[in-house]
C-alpha atoms as a PDB file:
ATOM      1  CA  MET A   1     101.524  72.224 125.108  1.00  0.00           C
ATOM      2  CA  ASN A   2      97.857  71.175 125.129  1.00  0.00           C
ATOM      3  CA  LEU A   3      98.412  69.298 121.912  1.00  0.00           C
ATOM      4  CA  GLU A   4     101.107  67.140 123.460  1.00  0.00           C
ATOM      5  CA  LEU A   5      98.863  66.412 126.439  1.00  0.00           C
ATOM      6  CA  LEU A   6      96.000  65.351 124.166  1.00  0.00           C
ATOM      7  CA  ASN A   7      98.296  63.127 122.131  1.00  0.00           C
ATOM      8  CA  ALA A   8      99.622  61.530 125.328  1.00  0.00           C
ATOM      9  CA  ILE A   9      96.088  60.870 126.537  1.00  0.00           C
ATOM     10  CA  GLY A  10      95.166  59.397 123.160  1.00  0.00           C
ATOM     11  CA  THR A  11      98.124  57.007 123.121  1.00  0.00           C
ATOM     12  CA  ALA A  12      97.528  55.983 126.741  1.00  0.00           C
ATOM     13  CA  VAL A  13      93.894  55.221 126.024  1.00  0.00           C
ATOM     14  CA  ALA A  14      94.815  53.334 122.836  1.00  0.00           C
ATOM     15  CA  GLU A  15      97.311  51.225 124.774  1.00  0.00           C
ATOM     16  CA  ALA A  16      94.628  50.438 127.325  1.00  0.00           C
ATOM     17  CA  GLY A  17      92.549  48.959 124.514  1.00  0.00           C
ATOM     18  CA  ASP A  18      89.687  51.441 124.362  1.00  0.00           C
ATOM     19  CA  ALA A  19      89.655  52.326 120.649  1.00  0.00           C
ATOM     20  CA  GLY A  20      86.552  54.573 120.875  1.00  0.00           C
ATOM     21  CA  ALA A  21      88.139  56.886 123.409  1.00  0.00           C
ATOM     22  CA  ALA A  22      91.348  57.027 121.349  1.00  0.00           C
ATOM     23  CA  THR A  23      89.519  58.216 118.236  1.00  0.00           C
ATOM     24  CA  ALA A  24      87.680  60.838 120.309  1.00  0.00           C
ATOM     25  CA  ALA A  25      90.996  62.125 121.623  1.00  0.00           C
ATOM     26  CA  GLU A  26      92.433  62.230 118.067  1.00  0.00           C
ATOM     27  CA  GLU A  27      89.369  64.127 116.778  1.00  0.00           C
ATOM     28  CA  MET A  28      89.710  66.597 119.608  1.00  0.00           C
ATOM     29  CA  SER A  29      93.352  67.202 118.790  1.00  0.00           C
ATOM     30  CA  GLY A  30      92.433  67.815 115.112  1.00  0.00           C
ATOM     31  CA  GLY A  31      89.699  70.226 116.170  1.00  0.00           C
ATOM     32  CA  SER A  32      92.053  72.042 118.477  1.00  0.00           C
ATOM     33  CA  MET A  33      94.518  72.413 115.588  1.00  0.00           C
ATOM     34  CA  ILE A  34      91.839  74.159 113.537  1.00  0.00           C
ATOM     35  CA  ILE A  35      91.035  76.476 116.430  1.00  0.00           C
ATOM     36  CA  TYR A  36      94.753  77.142 116.954  1.00  0.00           C
ATOM     37  CA  TYR A  37      95.250  78.160 113.319  1.00  0.00           C
ATOM     38  CA  ALA A  38      92.039  80.218 113.305  1.00  0.00           C
ATOM     39  CA  ILE A  39      93.268  82.127 116.348  1.00  0.00           C
ATOM     40  CA  GLN A  40      96.619  82.703 114.637  1.00  0.00           C
ATOM     41  CA  LEU A  41      94.989  84.010 111.427  1.00  0.00           C
ATOM     42  CA  ALA A  42      92.331  86.178 113.105  1.00  0.00           C
ATOM     43  CA  PRO A  43      94.611  89.196 113.771  1.00  0.00           C
ATOM     44  CA  MET A  44      95.888  89.215 110.170  1.00  0.00           C
ATOM     45  CA  ILE A  45      92.344  89.057 108.819  1.00  0.00           C
ATOM     46  CA  LEU A  46      91.287  91.844 111.180  1.00  0.00           C
ATOM     47  CA  ILE A  47      94.224  94.025 110.065  1.00  0.00           C
ATOM     48  CA  PHE A  48      93.300  93.493 106.397  1.00  0.00           C
ATOM     49  CA  VAL A  49      89.665  94.440 107.058  1.00  0.00           C
ATOM     50  CA  VAL A  50      90.721  97.597 108.918  1.00  0.00           C
ATOM     51  CA  PHE A  51      93.136  98.601 106.124  1.00  0.00           C
ATOM     52  CA  TYR A  52      90.420  98.023 103.532  1.00  0.00           C
ATOM     53  CA  PHE A  53      87.852 100.245 105.237  1.00  0.00           C
ATOM     54  CA  ILE A  54      90.284 102.955 106.374  1.00  0.00           C
ATOM     55  CA  LEU A  55      92.701 103.177 103.425  1.00  0.00           C
ATOM     56  CA  ILE A  56      91.718 101.249 100.313  1.00  0.00           C
ATOM     57  CA  ARG A  57      87.979 101.923 100.046  1.00  0.00           C
ATOM     58  CA  PRO A  58      88.135 105.736 100.543  1.00  0.00           C
ATOM     59  CA  GLN A  59      91.039 106.015  98.079  1.00  0.00           C
ATOM     60  CA  ARG A  60      89.117 104.090  95.413  1.00  0.00           C
ATOM     61  CA  LYS A  61      86.106 106.344  95.959  1.00  0.00           C
ATOM     62  CA  LYS A  62      88.274 109.470  95.647  1.00  0.00           C
ATOM     63  CA  ASP A  63      89.940 108.151  92.452  1.00  0.00           C
ATOM     64  CA  LYS A  64      86.537 107.344  90.954  1.00  0.00           C
ATOM     65  CA  GLU A  65      85.246 110.874  91.683  1.00  0.00           C
ATOM     66  CA  ALA A  66      88.396 112.462  90.177  1.00  0.00           C
ATOM     67  CA  LYS A  67      88.119 110.344  87.031  1.00  0.00           C
ATOM     68  CA  GLU A  68      84.441 111.246  86.680  1.00  0.00           C
ATOM     69  CA  MET A  69      85.242 114.952  87.106  1.00  0.00           C
ATOM     70  CA  LEU A  70      87.940 114.798  84.396  1.00  0.00           C
ATOM     71  CA  ASN A  71      85.581 112.990  82.005  1.00  0.00           C
ATOM     72  CA  ASN A  72      82.836 115.591  82.552  1.00  0.00           C
ATOM     73  CA  LEU A  73      84.950 118.669  81.715  1.00  0.00           C
ATOM     74  CA  LYS A  74      83.348 120.962  79.159  1.00  0.00           C
ATOM     75  CA  VAL A  75      84.142 124.216  77.387  1.00  0.00           C
ATOM     76  CA  GLY A  76      83.435 127.210  79.607  1.00  0.00           C
ATOM     77  CA  ASP A  77      84.209 125.494  82.925  1.00  0.00           C
ATOM     78  CA  ASN A  78      86.312 127.450  85.393  1.00  0.00           C
ATOM     79  CA  ILE A  79      89.080 125.186  86.686  1.00  0.00           C
ATOM     80  CA  CYS A  80      92.026 125.153  89.040  1.00  0.00           C
ATOM     81  CA  THR A  81      95.120 123.265  87.858  1.00  0.00           C
ATOM     82  CA  ILE A  82      97.450 121.254  90.075  1.00  0.00           C
ATOM     83  CA  GLY A  83      99.891 124.151  89.763  1.00  0.00           C
ATOM     84  CA  GLY A  84      97.353 126.545  91.288  1.00  0.00           C
ATOM     85  CA  ILE A  85      96.408 128.353  88.073  1.00  0.00           C
ATOM     86  CA  TYR A  86      92.774 129.444  87.813  1.00  0.00           C
ATOM     87  CA  ALA A  87      91.541 129.443  84.231  1.00  0.00           C
ATOM     88  CA  LYS A  88      88.608 128.931  81.894  1.00  0.00           C
ATOM     89  CA  ILE A  89      88.481 126.063  79.388  1.00  0.00           C
ATOM     90  CA  VAL A  90      88.392 127.325  75.780  1.00  0.00           C
ATOM     91  CA  SER A  91      88.634 124.012  73.918  1.00  0.00           C
ATOM     92  CA  ILE A  92      89.046 120.313  74.601  1.00  0.00           C
ATOM     93  CA  LYS A  93      90.890 117.904  72.322  1.00  0.00           C
ATOM     94  CA  ASP A  94      91.403 114.311  73.524  1.00  0.00           C
ATOM     95  CA  ASP A  95      93.712 114.546  76.547  1.00  0.00           C
ATOM     96  CA  THR A  96      94.651 118.215  76.180  1.00  0.00           C
ATOM     97  CA  LEU A  97      92.818 121.384  77.162  1.00  0.00           C
ATOM     98  CA  THR A  98      93.284 124.926  75.908  1.00  0.00           C
ATOM     99  CA  ILE A  99      92.689 127.359  78.747  1.00  0.00           C
ATOM    100  CA  GLU A 100      92.487 131.153  79.106  1.00  0.00           C
ATOM    101  CA  ILE A 101      94.232 132.895  81.986  1.00  0.00           C
ATOM    102  CA  GLY A 102      93.825 136.430  83.338  1.00  0.00           C
ATOM    103  CA  LYS A 103      92.428 139.665  81.879  1.00  0.00           C
ATOM    104  CA  ASP A 104      94.558 139.392  78.753  1.00  0.00           C
ATOM    105  CA  LYS A 105      93.034 135.964  78.050  1.00  0.00           C
ATOM    106  CA  THR A 106      96.434 134.358  77.586  1.00  0.00           C
ATOM    107  CA  GLN A 107      95.948 130.842  76.229  1.00  0.00           C
ATOM    108  CA  MET A 108      97.819 127.762  77.408  1.00  0.00           C
ATOM    109  CA  ILE A 109      97.595 124.108  76.489  1.00  0.00           C
ATOM    110  CA  ILE A 110      97.625 121.698  79.437  1.00  0.00           C
ATOM    111  CA  ALA A 111      97.061 117.998  79.955  1.00  0.00           C
ATOM    112  CA  ARG A 112      93.625 116.901  81.127  1.00  0.00           C
ATOM    113  CA  TRP A 113      95.140 115.149  84.169  1.00  0.00           C
ATOM    114  CA  ALA A 114      96.578 118.496  85.350  1.00  0.00           C
ATOM    115  CA  VAL A 115      93.119 119.740  86.399  1.00  0.00           C
ATOM    116  CA  ARG A 116      92.690 119.653  90.179  1.00  0.00           C
ATOM    117  CA  ASN A 117      89.026 120.639  90.330  1.00  0.00           C
ATOM    118  CA  VAL A 118      86.217 122.505  88.628  1.00  0.00           C
ATOM    119  CA  GLU A 119      85.332 125.788  90.341  1.00  0.00           C
ATOM    120  CA  GLN A 120      81.612 126.450  90.742  1.00  0.00           C
ATOM    121  CA  LEU A 121      82.010 130.247  90.909  1.00  0.00           C
ATOM    122  CA  SER A 122      84.427 132.556  89.148  1.00  0.00           C
ATOM    123  CA  ILE A 123      87.339 133.749  91.271  1.00  0.00           C
ATOM    124  CA  THR A 124      87.271 137.402  92.332  1.00  0.00           C
ATOM    125  CA  ASN A 125      89.913 139.430  94.112  1.00  0.00           C
ATOM    126  CA  ASP A 126      89.120 142.883  95.510  1.00  0.00           C
ATOM    127  CA  ALA A 127      86.005 143.111  93.344  1.00  0.00           C
ATOM    128  CA  GLU A 128      88.161 142.447  90.270  1.00  0.00           C
ATOM    129  CA  GLN A 129      87.326 139.300  88.338  1.00  0.00           C
ATOM    130  CA  LEU A 130      90.407 137.157  87.622  1.00  0.00           C
ATOM    131  CA  ILE A 131      88.811 134.790  85.127  1.00  0.00           C
END
């Protein structure tokens, strides 16, 4: 609406013969177009910034920490798998781990990516050590 008004003023002034005022009106309409588009894009830019800081950045940080934890696994670490199995690492070979489970020291081979976290302390239940 304002754009049409500015264009009408510019053509009226140009018809009156004042070329300087006509160019000023045209520059103003070009400037108002930039402001119009900036106002239209501002909410989308704001939404992207909010998504980045609330969703993308924390997820990247979490993925980086998980990757670092998987790369730093060593023999003797007590782990918890994604299936909820608490075990001790017996050997590491490329992307597979051999783990011991329970009092009988039953051995299993699992994928490295199946480790949820490294436990700092051994797991005990009713004063009986599980690992």
